[in-house]
Amino acid sequence: MTPTLHPMLNIAVRAARAAGAIINRSALDLELLHVARKGPNDFVSEVDRAAEQAIIDILLDAYPGHGILAEETGRERGAKDSEFLWIIDPLDGTTNFLHGFPVYAVSIALAHRGIVQQGVVYDPTRNDLFVASRGRGAYVNDRRLRVSKRTRLADSLVGTGFPFRKGDNFARYVKMFEQVMQSCAGLRRPGAAALDLCYVAAGWYDGFFEMGLSPWDAAAGSLMITEAGGLVGNFTGEADFLFQRELVAGNPKVYAQLVQILQPYTRVIGSGAAPKTAADPASPDATQAFVDAAADETAAAASAAPPRRETVRVRKADAMAAQHAAPRRRGPRDDTHGARRIKPT
C-alpha cells in the first residue's frame, strides 16, 4: 500500500493525470496534430504545449509562489526567486508519441533549494503511476519499488538513450555503447528517459546511462531510483548530474561497474577547473544558466536548419487545365485511333 502522499506530491499526481488525459485523447487522432521542430530530430507538438499548460495551471493554482522550469516554456511562468522549483516534462518521448509507439510519459519533480523532494512519472498508455517522496520510498501503483539484486554487469540488462541532436558527439557515444554492450547481458533504448529511470527503480533494468539529458528528463526518475535503493550520478560517479547532461544509474553493484567504464568519457568539470554555475545544482543561478544555454543551443540549431518549404496549394480545376494544355507524349502503344502500333516486318 502507498503511504499517505505528501500534499505537494498529491498536487503533482493530479497535474500528471490531467496531462495524461490530454495525451491519451490526442493519441486517437495523431494525423490531426500540428508538429513543429525545435531543431533537427527534436519535435514539439500542440500536445506538449497543452499538457504543459495544464500541469503549470494546476501547480500554480495550488502554489502560486513556487518557481517553474518546464521543457517548452522554460521559466516564463512562476516565481523567479522561490526556493521551490517544479521541474516539468509534459511529454517525455515526443517522437515515440508522434509515431504511435507507446513509450512516453509525464514527468514532474519538485526541488527545494536544489534538492529534489517529490517526483511523479505517469505512463498514460499503461496507467502506471510512479511516485516518490524523499525519505519515504518510491512506489508504482501502490507497490513498493526496489532496485534489482544482480551483482555482475555481465548478467545485467542496461537501458540507454541515443544522441539525436545536431552537434551531439556520435563517435564518443559509439565507443561507450561498444564497451557497455560487450560487458552486459543486453542493452535497450525505448526512447523515454523518465520511464527508463523508473524501470531501474523497479528492478526491470539493472542500470542505465545517457548523455544529453536535461533536468526535466531526469529529476523525477532519479528520485525514484535513490528511494528504491539505487544510485544516480554523473560519469565520474559523483552525485552532481542534474545539470551536467550525463547520467548513470543502477543498483549499487552495477552502478559501480558502469562508472568504471564510463568515467573516461565524462565531460564534467574537474576539481581543478574553474567552476561553472550550471554544474552546481544547489546554486540559485544554476537553473537559469541551464535555461540560457539550452536557448542558445536551440537558436543555433534553428539557424543551421535548412529553410522550410512552404506548402503550395493547387486547385483541381487549374491542375486539370494545365494537364490538357500540355502536349501529350505518344507512347509505343499509341496511334491516332488509340490502337496498338504494329511495327512493319
C-alpha atoms as a PDB file:
ATOM      1  CA  MET A   1       0.000   0.000   0.000  1.00  0.00           C
ATOM      2  CA  THR A   2       1.202   3.505  -0.828  1.00  0.00           C
ATOM      3  CA  PRO A   3       1.525   5.625   2.328  1.00  0.00           C
ATOM      4  CA  THR A   4      -0.387   8.869   2.586  1.00  0.00           C
ATOM      5  CA  LEU A   5       1.062  11.124  -0.085  1.00  0.00           C
ATOM      6  CA  HIS A   6       2.717  14.388   0.775  1.00  0.00           C
ATOM      7  CA  PRO A   7       0.305  17.267  -0.079  1.00  0.00           C
ATOM      8  CA  MET A   8       2.672  18.621  -2.758  1.00  0.00           C
ATOM      9  CA  LEU A   9       3.026  15.159  -4.266  1.00  0.00           C
ATOM     10  CA  ASN A  10      -0.757  14.844  -4.341  1.00  0.00           C
ATOM     11  CA  ILE A  11      -0.998  18.031  -6.395  1.00  0.00           C
ATOM     12  CA  ALA A  12       1.709  16.750  -8.742  1.00  0.00           C
ATOM     13  CA  VAL A  13      -0.183  13.480  -9.236  1.00  0.00           C
ATOM     14  CA  ARG A  14      -3.328  15.414 -10.117  1.00  0.00           C
ATOM     15  CA  ALA A  15      -1.375  17.511 -12.627  1.00  0.00           C
ATOM     16  CA  ALA A  16       0.265  14.443 -14.182  1.00  0.00           C
ATOM     17  CA  ARG A  17      -3.060  12.665 -14.633  1.00  0.00           C
ATOM     18  CA  ALA A  18      -4.587  15.779 -16.224  1.00  0.00           C
ATOM     19  CA  ALA A  19      -1.704  15.914 -18.700  1.00  0.00           C
ATOM     20  CA  GLY A  20      -2.047  12.172 -19.329  1.00  0.00           C
ATOM     21  CA  ALA A  21      -5.717  12.612 -20.213  1.00  0.00           C
ATOM     22  CA  ILE A  22      -4.788  15.251 -22.815  1.00  0.00           C
ATOM     23  CA  ILE A  23      -2.129  12.960 -24.255  1.00  0.00           C
ATOM     24  CA  ASN A  24      -4.438   9.943 -24.445  1.00  0.00           C
ATOM     25  CA  ARG A  25      -7.167  11.923 -26.221  1.00  0.00           C
ATOM     26  CA  SER A  26      -4.670  13.260 -28.749  1.00  0.00           C
ATOM     27  CA  ALA A  27      -3.224   9.788 -29.369  1.00  0.00           C
ATOM     28  CA  LEU A  28      -6.518   8.839 -31.026  1.00  0.00           C
ATOM     29  CA  ASP A  29      -6.007  11.376 -33.855  1.00  0.00           C
ATOM     30  CA  LEU A  30      -2.274  11.707 -34.409  1.00  0.00           C
ATOM     31  CA  GLU A  31      -2.741  12.732 -38.041  1.00  0.00           C
ATOM     32  CA  LEU A  32      -4.501  15.930 -36.977  1.00  0.00           C
ATOM     33  CA  LEU A  33      -1.710  17.214 -34.738  1.00  0.00           C
ATOM     34  CA  HIS A  34       0.331  20.296 -35.556  1.00  0.00           C
ATOM     35  CA  VAL A  35       4.019  19.491 -35.114  1.00  0.00           C
ATOM     36  CA  ALA A  36       6.956  21.905 -35.108  1.00  0.00           C
ATOM     37  CA  ARG A  37      10.706  21.397 -34.951  1.00  0.00           C
ATOM     38  CA  LYS A  38      12.818  22.796 -32.126  1.00  0.00           C
ATOM     39  CA  GLY A  39      15.867  21.530 -34.010  1.00  0.00           C
ATOM     40  CA  PRO A  40      16.971  18.567 -36.131  1.00  0.00           C
ATOM     41  CA  ASN A  41      15.181  15.429 -34.850  1.00  0.00           C
ATOM     42  CA  ASP A  42      13.756  17.461 -31.950  1.00  0.00           C
ATOM     43  CA  PHE A  43       9.977  17.874 -32.190  1.00  0.00           C
ATOM     44  CA  VAL A  44       7.293  19.665 -30.221  1.00  0.00           C
ATOM     45  CA  SER A  45       3.571  19.206 -30.766  1.00  0.00           C
ATOM     46  CA  GLU A  46       0.494  21.075 -29.650  1.00  0.00           C
ATOM     47  CA  VAL A  47       0.002  18.196 -27.200  1.00  0.00           C
ATOM     48  CA  ASP A  48       3.294  19.009 -25.438  1.00  0.00           C
ATOM     49  CA  ARG A  49       2.190  22.614 -25.046  1.00  0.00           C
ATOM     50  CA  ALA A  50      -1.361  21.823 -23.926  1.00  0.00           C
ATOM     51  CA  ALA A  51      -0.182  19.229 -21.398  1.00  0.00           C
ATOM     52  CA  GLU A  52       2.457  21.597 -20.039  1.00  0.00           C
ATOM     53  CA  GLN A  53      -0.055  24.410 -19.635  1.00  0.00           C
ATOM     54  CA  ALA A  54      -2.455  22.110 -17.785  1.00  0.00           C
ATOM     55  CA  ILE A  55       0.314  20.995 -15.414  1.00  0.00           C
ATOM     56  CA  ILE A  56       1.525  24.508 -14.679  1.00  0.00           C
ATOM     57  CA  ASP A  57      -2.022  25.818 -14.150  1.00  0.00           C
ATOM     58  CA  ILE A  58      -2.709  23.141 -11.524  1.00  0.00           C
ATOM     59  CA  LEU A  59       0.635  23.612  -9.757  1.00  0.00           C
ATOM     60  CA  LEU A  60       0.484  27.406  -9.626  1.00  0.00           C
ATOM     61  CA  ASP A  61      -3.152  27.373  -8.573  1.00  0.00           C
ATOM     62  CA  ALA A  62      -2.072  25.385  -5.501  1.00  0.00           C
ATOM     63  CA  TYR A  63       1.332  27.043  -5.006  1.00  0.00           C
ATOM     64  CA  PRO A  64       1.418  30.463  -6.691  1.00  0.00           C
ATOM     65  CA  GLY A  65       4.712  31.385  -5.043  1.00  0.00           C
ATOM     66  CA  HIS A  66       6.653  28.451  -6.500  1.00  0.00           C
ATOM     67  CA  GLY A  67       9.043  28.556  -9.445  1.00  0.00           C
ATOM     68  CA  ILE A  68       8.651  26.636 -12.697  1.00  0.00           C
ATOM     69  CA  LEU A  69      11.225  25.050 -15.008  1.00  0.00           C
ATOM     70  CA  ALA A  70       9.399  23.416 -17.939  1.00  0.00           C
ATOM     71  CA  GLU A  71      10.700  21.905 -21.145  1.00  0.00           C
ATOM     72  CA  GLU A  72       8.679  24.023 -23.564  1.00  0.00           C
ATOM     73  CA  THR A  73       8.305  27.347 -21.739  1.00  0.00           C
ATOM     74  CA  GLY A  74      11.377  27.346 -19.516  1.00  0.00           C
ATOM     75  CA  ARG A  75      10.923  29.812 -16.644  1.00  0.00           C
ATOM     76  CA  GLU A  76       8.312  32.052 -18.276  1.00  0.00           C
ATOM     77  CA  ARG A  77       5.783  31.298 -15.543  1.00  0.00           C
ATOM     78  CA  GLY A  78       6.061  31.037 -11.779  1.00  0.00           C
ATOM     79  CA  ALA A  79       8.195  32.926  -9.281  1.00  0.00           C
ATOM     80  CA  LYS A  80      11.816  33.564 -10.238  1.00  0.00           C
ATOM     81  CA  ASP A  81      13.210  33.742  -6.696  1.00  0.00           C
ATOM     82  CA  SER A  82      11.411  30.883  -4.928  1.00  0.00           C
ATOM     83  CA  GLU A  83      13.249  28.142  -3.030  1.00  0.00           C
ATOM     84  CA  PHE A  84      10.734  25.696  -4.532  1.00  0.00           C
ATOM     85  CA  LEU A  85      11.097  24.763  -8.194  1.00  0.00           C
ATOM     86  CA  TRP A  86       8.789  22.469 -10.180  1.00  0.00           C
ATOM     87  CA  ILE A  87      10.710  20.692 -12.961  1.00  0.00           C
ATOM     88  CA  ILE A  88       8.345  19.547 -15.712  1.00  0.00           C
ATOM     89  CA  ASP A  89       8.494  17.415 -18.836  1.00  0.00           C
ATOM     90  CA  PRO A  90       4.903  17.320 -20.130  1.00  0.00           C
ATOM     91  CA  LEU A  91       5.620  14.582 -22.673  1.00  0.00           C
ATOM     92  CA  ASP A  92       8.901  12.712 -22.442  1.00  0.00           C
ATOM     93  CA  GLY A  93       9.203  10.682 -25.629  1.00  0.00           C
ATOM     94  CA  THR A  94       7.503  13.064 -28.077  1.00  0.00           C
ATOM     95  CA  THR A  95       8.951  11.295 -31.136  1.00  0.00           C
ATOM     96  CA  ASN A  96       7.577   7.960 -29.882  1.00  0.00           C
ATOM     97  CA  PHE A  97       4.175   9.572 -29.320  1.00  0.00           C
ATOM     98  CA  LEU A  98       4.052  11.106 -32.800  1.00  0.00           C
ATOM     99  CA  HIS A  99       4.723   7.691 -34.352  1.00  0.00           C
ATOM    100  CA  GLY A 100       2.196   5.872 -32.192  1.00  0.00           C
ATOM    101  CA  PHE A 101       4.954   3.980 -30.375  1.00  0.00           C
ATOM    102  CA  PRO A 102       3.500   3.597 -26.857  1.00  0.00           C
ATOM    103  CA  VAL A 103       6.528   4.551 -24.744  1.00  0.00           C
ATOM    104  CA  TYR A 104       6.198   8.070 -23.358  1.00  0.00           C
ATOM    105  CA  ALA A 105       5.391   9.677 -20.034  1.00  0.00           C
ATOM    106  CA  VAL A 106       4.669  12.801 -17.998  1.00  0.00           C
ATOM    107  CA  SER A 107       7.424  13.741 -15.543  1.00  0.00           C
ATOM    108  CA  ILE A 108       7.042  16.234 -12.667  1.00  0.00           C
ATOM    109  CA  ALA A 109       9.506  16.851  -9.840  1.00  0.00           C
ATOM    110  CA  LEU A 110       9.705  19.381  -7.023  1.00  0.00           C
ATOM    111  CA  ALA A 111      13.116  20.613  -5.902  1.00  0.00           C
ATOM    112  CA  HIS A 112      13.694  22.614  -2.719  1.00  0.00           C
ATOM    113  CA  ARG A 113      16.955  24.552  -2.606  1.00  0.00           C
ATOM    114  CA  GLY A 114      18.291  22.448  -5.452  1.00  0.00           C
ATOM    115  CA  ILE A 115      17.417  19.048  -3.939  1.00  0.00           C
ATOM    116  CA  VAL A 116      14.590  17.002  -5.484  1.00  0.00           C
ATOM    117  CA  GLN A 117      12.000  16.218  -2.795  1.00  0.00           C
ATOM    118  CA  GLN A 118       8.968  14.900  -4.714  1.00  0.00           C
ATOM    119  CA  GLY A 119       8.629  13.077  -8.004  1.00  0.00           C
ATOM    120  CA  VAL A 120       5.874  11.748 -10.279  1.00  0.00           C
ATOM    121  CA  VAL A 121       6.235   9.882 -13.556  1.00  0.00           C
ATOM    122  CA  TYR A 122       2.974   8.873 -15.228  1.00  0.00           C
ATOM    123  CA  ASP A 123       2.768   6.448 -18.144  1.00  0.00           C
ATOM    124  CA  PRO A 124      -0.644   7.176 -19.721  1.00  0.00           C
ATOM    125  CA  THR A 125      -0.623   4.205 -22.104  1.00  0.00           C
ATOM    126  CA  ARG A 126      -0.331   1.666 -19.258  1.00  0.00           C
ATOM    127  CA  ASN A 127      -1.825   3.828 -16.494  1.00  0.00           C
ATOM    128  CA  ASP A 128       1.340   3.239 -14.450  1.00  0.00           C
ATOM    129  CA  LEU A 129       1.867   5.901 -11.791  1.00  0.00           C
ATOM    130  CA  PHE A 130       5.362   6.104 -10.285  1.00  0.00           C
ATOM    131  CA  VAL A 131       5.656   8.339  -7.190  1.00  0.00           C
ATOM    132  CA  ALA A 132       8.417   9.098  -4.697  1.00  0.00           C
ATOM    133  CA  SER A 133       8.989  11.379  -1.710  1.00  0.00           C
ATOM    134  CA  ARG A 134      12.440  11.882  -0.266  1.00  0.00           C
ATOM    135  CA  GLY A 135      12.856   9.639   2.748  1.00  0.00           C
ATOM    136  CA  ARG A 136       9.504   7.905   2.248  1.00  0.00           C
ATOM    137  CA  GLY A 137      10.215   5.428  -0.547  1.00  0.00           C
ATOM    138  CA  ALA A 138       9.106   5.009  -4.168  1.00  0.00           C
ATOM    139  CA  TYR A 139       6.014   3.218  -5.461  1.00  0.00           C
ATOM    140  CA  VAL A 140       4.275   2.201  -8.656  1.00  0.00           C
ATOM    141  CA  ASN A 141       0.535   1.628  -8.441  1.00  0.00           C
ATOM    142  CA  ASP A 142       0.697   1.003  -4.659  1.00  0.00           C
ATOM    143  CA  ARG A 143       3.643  -1.415  -4.952  1.00  0.00           C
ATOM    144  CA  ARG A 144       6.953  -0.548  -3.283  1.00  0.00           C
ATOM    145  CA  LEU A 145       9.858  -0.189  -5.701  1.00  0.00           C
ATOM    146  CA  ARG A 146      13.214  -1.881  -5.145  1.00  0.00           C
ATOM    147  CA  VAL A 147      16.216  -1.965  -7.453  1.00  0.00           C
ATOM    148  CA  SER A 148      17.432  -5.351  -8.683  1.00  0.00           C
ATOM    149  CA  LYS A 149      19.842  -7.535  -6.725  1.00  0.00           C
ATOM    150  CA  ARG A 150      22.142  -8.513  -9.593  1.00  0.00           C
ATOM    151  CA  THR A 151      25.789  -8.054  -8.779  1.00  0.00           C
ATOM    152  CA  ARG A 152      27.515  -8.653 -12.124  1.00  0.00           C
ATOM    153  CA  LEU A 153      27.262  -6.300 -15.079  1.00  0.00           C
ATOM    154  CA  ALA A 154      27.693  -9.353 -17.323  1.00  0.00           C
ATOM    155  CA  ASP A 155      24.275 -10.595 -16.144  1.00  0.00           C
ATOM    156  CA  SER A 156      22.561  -7.204 -16.315  1.00  0.00           C
ATOM    157  CA  LEU A 157      20.041  -5.567 -18.609  1.00  0.00           C
ATOM    158  CA  VAL A 158      21.024  -1.933 -19.187  1.00  0.00           C
ATOM    159  CA  GLY A 159      18.995   0.923 -20.636  1.00  0.00           C
ATOM    160  CA  THR A 160      20.384   3.836 -22.613  1.00  0.00           C
ATOM    161  CA  GLY A 161      19.444   6.681 -24.937  1.00  0.00           C
ATOM    162  CA  PHE A 162      20.980   7.518 -28.301  1.00  0.00           C
ATOM    163  CA  PRO A 163      22.246  11.010 -29.189  1.00  0.00           C
ATOM    164  CA  PHE A 164      19.917  12.564 -31.752  1.00  0.00           C
ATOM    165  CA  ARG A 165      20.505  16.321 -31.844  1.00  0.00           C
ATOM    166  CA  LYS A 166      22.702  18.111 -34.344  1.00  0.00           C
ATOM    167  CA  GLY A 167      26.108  18.598 -32.765  1.00  0.00           C
ATOM    168  CA  ASP A 168      25.916  15.550 -30.473  1.00  0.00           C
ATOM    169  CA  ASN A 169      29.143  13.577 -30.314  1.00  0.00           C
ATOM    170  CA  PHE A 170      28.107  10.342 -32.003  1.00  0.00           C
ATOM    171  CA  ALA A 171      31.654   8.958 -32.150  1.00  0.00           C
ATOM    172  CA  ARG A 172      32.028   9.336 -28.384  1.00  0.00           C
ATOM    173  CA  TYR A 173      28.725   7.589 -27.779  1.00  0.00           C
ATOM    174  CA  VAL A 174      29.537   4.692 -30.124  1.00  0.00           C
ATOM    175  CA  LYS A 175      32.695   3.965 -28.126  1.00  0.00           C
ATOM    176  CA  MET A 176      30.713   3.909 -24.875  1.00  0.00           C
ATOM    177  CA  PHE A 177      27.981   1.814 -26.475  1.00  0.00           C
ATOM    178  CA  GLU A 178      30.516  -0.738 -27.692  1.00  0.00           C
ATOM    179  CA  GLN A 179      32.163  -1.112 -24.281  1.00  0.00           C
ATOM    180  CA  VAL A 180      28.918  -1.403 -22.335  1.00  0.00           C
ATOM    181  CA  MET A 181      27.349  -3.700 -24.932  1.00  0.00           C
ATOM    182  CA  GLN A 182      30.247  -6.140 -24.667  1.00  0.00           C
ATOM    183  CA  SER A 183      30.094  -6.057 -20.865  1.00  0.00           C
ATOM    184  CA  CYS A 184      26.392  -6.629 -20.170  1.00  0.00           C
ATOM    185  CA  ALA A 185      23.669  -9.161 -20.983  1.00  0.00           C
ATOM    186  CA  GLY A 186      21.628  -6.737 -23.095  1.00  0.00           C
ATOM    187  CA  LEU A 187      21.156  -3.074 -23.977  1.00  0.00           C
ATOM    188  CA  ARG A 188      17.781  -1.400 -24.554  1.00  0.00           C
ATOM    189  CA  ARG A 189      16.711   2.006 -25.885  1.00  0.00           C
ATOM    190  CA  PRO A 190      12.921   2.619 -25.738  1.00  0.00           C
ATOM    191  CA  GLY A 191      13.239   6.408 -26.053  1.00  0.00           C
ATOM    192  CA  ALA A 192      11.811   7.943 -22.850  1.00  0.00           C
ATOM    193  CA  ALA A 193      14.440   8.579 -20.180  1.00  0.00           C
ATOM    194  CA  ALA A 194      11.920   9.313 -17.416  1.00  0.00           C
ATOM    195  CA  LEU A 195      10.476   5.818 -17.825  1.00  0.00           C
ATOM    196  CA  ASP A 196      13.936   4.273 -18.185  1.00  0.00           C
ATOM    197  CA  LEU A 197      14.886   5.624 -14.755  1.00  0.00           C
ATOM    198  CA  CYS A 198      11.664   4.289 -13.246  1.00  0.00           C
ATOM    199  CA  TYR A 199      12.450   0.892 -14.734  1.00  0.00           C
ATOM    200  CA  VAL A 200      15.783   0.925 -12.909  1.00  0.00           C
ATOM    201  CA  ALA A 201      13.931   1.758  -9.678  1.00  0.00           C
ATOM    202  CA  ALA A 202      11.520  -1.125 -10.317  1.00  0.00           C
ATOM    203  CA  GLY A 203      14.354  -3.591 -10.933  1.00  0.00           C
ATOM    204  CA  TRP A 204      13.362  -4.157 -14.563  1.00  0.00           C
ATOM    205  CA  TYR A 205      16.655  -2.623 -15.673  1.00  0.00           C
ATOM    206  CA  ASP A 206      19.796  -3.185 -13.641  1.00  0.00           C
ATOM    207  CA  GLY A 207      21.450   0.004 -14.906  1.00  0.00           C
ATOM    208  CA  PHE A 208      21.096   2.974 -17.234  1.00  0.00           C
ATOM    209  CA  PHE A 209      23.297   5.627 -18.853  1.00  0.00           C
ATOM    210  CA  GLU A 210      22.747   8.509 -21.239  1.00  0.00           C
ATOM    211  CA  MET A 211      24.313  11.728 -22.462  1.00  0.00           C
ATOM    212  CA  GLY A 212      22.492  14.949 -23.270  1.00  0.00           C
ATOM    213  CA  LEU A 213      19.693  14.707 -20.707  1.00  0.00           C
ATOM    214  CA  SER A 214      18.029  17.866 -19.415  1.00  0.00           C
ATOM    215  CA  PRO A 215      16.881  18.364 -15.801  1.00  0.00           C
ATOM    216  CA  TRP A 216      13.237  17.723 -16.710  1.00  0.00           C
ATOM    217  CA  ASP A 217      14.194  14.342 -18.203  1.00  0.00           C
ATOM    218  CA  ALA A 218      15.901  13.076 -15.051  1.00  0.00           C
ATOM    219  CA  ALA A 219      14.659  14.935 -11.960  1.00  0.00           C
ATOM    220  CA  ALA A 220      11.651  12.792 -11.025  1.00  0.00           C
ATOM    221  CA  GLY A 221      13.097   9.473 -12.181  1.00  0.00           C
ATOM    222  CA  SER A 222      16.347   9.980 -10.279  1.00  0.00           C
ATOM    223  CA  LEU A 223      14.414  10.321  -7.012  1.00  0.00           C
ATOM    224  CA  MET A 224      12.613   7.039  -7.783  1.00  0.00           C
ATOM    225  CA  ILE A 225      15.971   5.276  -8.014  1.00  0.00           C
ATOM    226  CA  THR A 226      17.511   6.639  -4.831  1.00  0.00           C
ATOM    227  CA  GLU A 227      14.318   5.941  -2.875  1.00  0.00           C
ATOM    228  CA  ALA A 228      14.334   2.382  -4.274  1.00  0.00           C
ATOM    229  CA  GLY A 229      17.875   1.778  -3.007  1.00  0.00           C
ATOM    230  CA  GLY A 230      19.824   2.624  -6.167  1.00  0.00           C
ATOM    231  CA  LEU A 231      22.452   5.202  -7.072  1.00  0.00           C
ATOM    232  CA  VAL A 232      22.458   8.031  -9.624  1.00  0.00           C
ATOM    233  CA  GLY A 233      25.356  10.236 -10.659  1.00  0.00           C
ATOM    234  CA  ASN A 234      27.437  11.609 -13.482  1.00  0.00           C
ATOM    235  CA  PHE A 235      30.022   9.522 -15.313  1.00  0.00           C
ATOM    236  CA  THR A 236      32.608  10.171 -12.577  1.00  0.00           C
ATOM    237  CA  GLY A 237      30.277   8.630 -10.001  1.00  0.00           C
ATOM    238  CA  GLU A 238      29.556  11.927  -8.252  1.00  0.00           C
ATOM    239  CA  ALA A 239      26.028  12.967  -7.321  1.00  0.00           C
ATOM    240  CA  ASP A 240      26.204  16.145  -9.417  1.00  0.00           C
ATOM    241  CA  PHE A 241      24.250  15.112 -12.529  1.00  0.00           C
ATOM    242  CA  LEU A 242      21.092  17.193 -12.921  1.00  0.00           C
ATOM    243  CA  PHE A 243      22.698  19.967 -14.979  1.00  0.00           C
ATOM    244  CA  GLN A 244      25.679  18.009 -16.344  1.00  0.00           C
ATOM    245  CA  ARG A 245      23.995  16.412 -19.391  1.00  0.00           C
ATOM    246  CA  GLU A 246      25.333  12.973 -18.467  1.00  0.00           C
ATOM    247  CA  LEU A 247      23.832  10.397 -16.152  1.00  0.00           C
ATOM    248  CA  VAL A 248      24.489   6.853 -14.990  1.00  0.00           C
ATOM    249  CA  ALA A 249      22.221   4.900 -12.632  1.00  0.00           C
ATOM    250  CA  GLY A 250      21.703   1.424 -11.299  1.00  0.00           C
ATOM    251  CA  ASN A 251      21.688  -0.808  -8.287  1.00  0.00           C
ATOM    252  CA  PRO A 252      24.849  -0.168  -6.226  1.00  0.00           C
ATOM    253  CA  LYS A 253      26.888  -3.058  -7.654  1.00  0.00           C
ATOM    254  CA  VAL A 254      26.043  -2.467 -11.303  1.00  0.00           C
ATOM    255  CA  TYR A 255      26.348   1.312 -10.884  1.00  0.00           C
ATOM    256  CA  ALA A 256      29.962   0.956  -9.730  1.00  0.00           C
ATOM    257  CA  GLN A 257      30.842  -1.220 -12.729  1.00  0.00           C
ATOM    258  CA  LEU A 258      29.184   1.176 -15.188  1.00  0.00           C
ATOM    259  CA  VAL A 259      31.064   4.130 -13.698  1.00  0.00           C
ATOM    260  CA  GLN A 260      34.368   2.317 -14.287  1.00  0.00           C
ATOM    261  CA  ILE A 261      33.510   2.003 -17.990  1.00  0.00           C
ATOM    262  CA  LEU A 262      32.026   5.481 -18.462  1.00  0.00           C
ATOM    263  CA  GLN A 263      34.427   7.593 -16.422  1.00  0.00           C
ATOM    264  CA  PRO A 264      36.900   8.153 -19.295  1.00  0.00           C
ATOM    265  CA  TYR A 265      34.067   9.702 -21.333  1.00  0.00           C
ATOM    266  CA  THR A 266      32.941  12.272 -18.759  1.00  0.00           C
ATOM    267  CA  ARG A 267      32.536  15.926 -19.633  1.00  0.00           C
ATOM    268  CA  VAL A 268      32.087  17.013 -16.024  1.00  0.00           C
ATOM    269  CA  ILE A 269      34.240  19.902 -14.851  1.00  0.00           C
ATOM    270  CA  GLY A 270      37.306  18.658 -12.991  1.00  0.00           C
ATOM    271  CA  SER A 271      38.040  19.724  -9.455  1.00  0.00           C
ATOM    272  CA  GLY A 272      40.944  21.868 -10.622  1.00  0.00           C
ATOM    273  CA  ALA A 273      38.967  23.664 -13.304  1.00  0.00           C
ATOM    274  CA  ALA A 274      37.142  26.895 -12.850  1.00  0.00           C
ATOM    275  CA  PRO A 275      33.644  26.135 -11.599  1.00  0.00           C
ATOM    276  CA  LYS A 276      30.628  26.813 -13.749  1.00  0.00           C
ATOM    277  CA  THR A 277      27.300  27.907 -12.368  1.00  0.00           C
ATOM    278  CA  ALA A 278      25.352  25.200 -14.158  1.00  0.00           C
ATOM    279  CA  ALA A 279      27.499  22.494 -12.611  1.00  0.00           C
ATOM    280  CA  ASP A 280      26.168  23.182  -9.128  1.00  0.00           C
ATOM    281  CA  PRO A 281      22.516  22.093  -8.763  1.00  0.00           C
ATOM    282  CA  ALA A 282      22.275  23.846  -5.402  1.00  0.00           C
ATOM    283  CA  SER A 283      23.328  27.194  -6.851  1.00  0.00           C
ATOM    284  CA  PRO A 284      20.442  29.666  -7.257  1.00  0.00           C
ATOM    285  CA  ASP A 285      21.797  30.603 -10.693  1.00  0.00           C
ATOM    286  CA  ALA A 286      22.237  27.042 -11.957  1.00  0.00           C
ATOM    287  CA  THR A 287      18.706  26.707 -13.308  1.00  0.00           C
ATOM    288  CA  GLN A 288      18.764  29.984 -15.227  1.00  0.00           C
ATOM    289  CA  ALA A 289      22.242  29.243 -16.563  1.00  0.00           C
ATOM    290  CA  PHE A 290      20.982  25.941 -17.920  1.00  0.00           C
ATOM    291  CA  VAL A 291      17.909  27.571 -19.469  1.00  0.00           C
ATOM    292  CA  ASP A 292      20.080  30.223 -21.152  1.00  0.00           C
ATOM    293  CA  ALA A 293      22.466  27.588 -22.505  1.00  0.00           C
ATOM    294  CA  ALA A 294      19.580  25.482 -23.819  1.00  0.00           C
ATOM    295  CA  ALA A 295      18.074  28.534 -25.520  1.00  0.00           C
ATOM    296  CA  ASP A 296      21.389  29.253 -27.224  1.00  0.00           C
ATOM    297  CA  GLU A 297      21.590  25.647 -28.479  1.00  0.00           C
ATOM    298  CA  THR A 298      18.034  25.796 -29.813  1.00  0.00           C
ATOM    299  CA  ALA A 299      18.701  29.072 -31.624  1.00  0.00           C
ATOM    300  CA  ALA A 300      21.886  27.679 -33.156  1.00  0.00           C
ATOM    301  CA  ALA A 301      20.078  24.533 -34.329  1.00  0.00           C
ATOM    302  CA  ALA A 302      17.273  26.590 -35.840  1.00  0.00           C
ATOM    303  CA  SER A 303      19.689  28.820 -37.753  1.00  0.00           C
ATOM    304  CA  ALA A 304      21.557  25.772 -39.065  1.00  0.00           C
ATOM    305  CA  ALA A 305      18.386  24.023 -40.231  1.00  0.00           C
ATOM    306  CA  PRO A 306      17.542  24.168 -43.962  1.00  0.00           C
ATOM    307  CA  PRO A 307      14.889  26.717 -44.954  1.00  0.00           C
ATOM    308  CA  ARG A 308      11.387  25.413 -44.550  1.00  0.00           C
ATOM    309  CA  ARG A 309       9.444  24.779 -47.734  1.00  0.00           C
ATOM    310  CA  GLU A 310       6.079  26.431 -47.910  1.00  0.00           C
ATOM    311  CA  THR A 311       3.123  24.286 -48.903  1.00  0.00           C
ATOM    312  CA  VAL A 312       1.753  25.158 -52.354  1.00  0.00           C
ATOM    313  CA  ARG A 313      -1.934  24.524 -52.851  1.00  0.00           C
ATOM    314  CA  VAL A 314      -3.177  23.898 -56.434  1.00  0.00           C
ATOM    315  CA  ARG A 315      -6.848  23.969 -57.287  1.00  0.00           C
ATOM    316  CA  LYS A 316      -8.128  20.875 -59.034  1.00  0.00           C
ATOM    317  CA  ALA A 317      -9.548  22.918 -61.919  1.00  0.00           C
ATOM    318  CA  ASP A 318      -6.171  24.598 -62.543  1.00  0.00           C
ATOM    319  CA  ALA A 319      -4.403  21.242 -62.448  1.00  0.00           C
ATOM    320  CA  MET A 320      -6.841  19.739 -64.992  1.00  0.00           C
ATOM    321  CA  ALA A 321      -6.457  22.728 -67.292  1.00  0.00           C
ATOM    322  CA  ALA A 322      -2.673  22.519 -67.156  1.00  0.00           C
ATOM    323  CA  GLN A 323      -2.812  18.812 -67.884  1.00  0.00           C
ATOM    324  CA  HIS A 324      -4.952  19.308 -71.026  1.00  0.00           C
ATOM    325  CA  ALA A 325      -2.828  22.214 -72.221  1.00  0.00           C
ATOM    326  CA  ALA A 326       0.441  20.260 -72.041  1.00  0.00           C
ATOM    327  CA  PRO A 327       1.415  18.295 -75.207  1.00  0.00           C
ATOM    328  CA  ARG A 328       0.791  14.615 -74.766  1.00  0.00           C
ATOM    329  CA  ARG A 329       3.609  12.180 -75.370  1.00  0.00           C
ATOM    330  CA  ARG A 330       2.833   9.386 -77.746  1.00  0.00           C
ATOM    331  CA  GLY A 331       3.988   6.016 -76.492  1.00  0.00           C
ATOM    332  CA  PRO A 332       4.713   2.892 -78.480  1.00  0.00           C
ATOM    333  CA  ARG A 333       1.159   1.672 -77.878  1.00  0.00           C
ATOM    334  CA  ASP A 334      -0.499   4.833 -79.316  1.00  0.00           C
ATOM    335  CA  ASP A 335      -1.654   5.815 -82.780  1.00  0.00           C
ATOM    336  CA  THR A 336      -4.393   8.157 -83.995  1.00  0.00           C
ATOM    337  CA  HIS A 337      -7.092   5.660 -83.074  1.00  0.00           C
ATOM    338  CA  GLY A 338      -5.618   4.589 -79.729  1.00  0.00           C
ATOM    339  CA  ALA A 339      -4.860   1.083 -81.069  1.00  0.00           C
ATOM    340  CA  ARG A 340      -1.553  -0.784 -80.738  1.00  0.00           C
ATOM    341  CA  ARG A 341       1.032   0.350 -83.280  1.00  0.00           C
ATOM    342  CA  ILE A 342       2.284  -2.540 -85.397  1.00  0.00           C
ATOM    343  CA  LYS A 343       5.891  -2.430 -86.491  1.00  0.00           C
ATOM    344  CA  PRO A 344       6.464  -3.326 -90.158  1.00  0.00           C
ATOM    345  CA  THR A 345       8.194  -6.642 -90.741  1.00  0.00           C
END
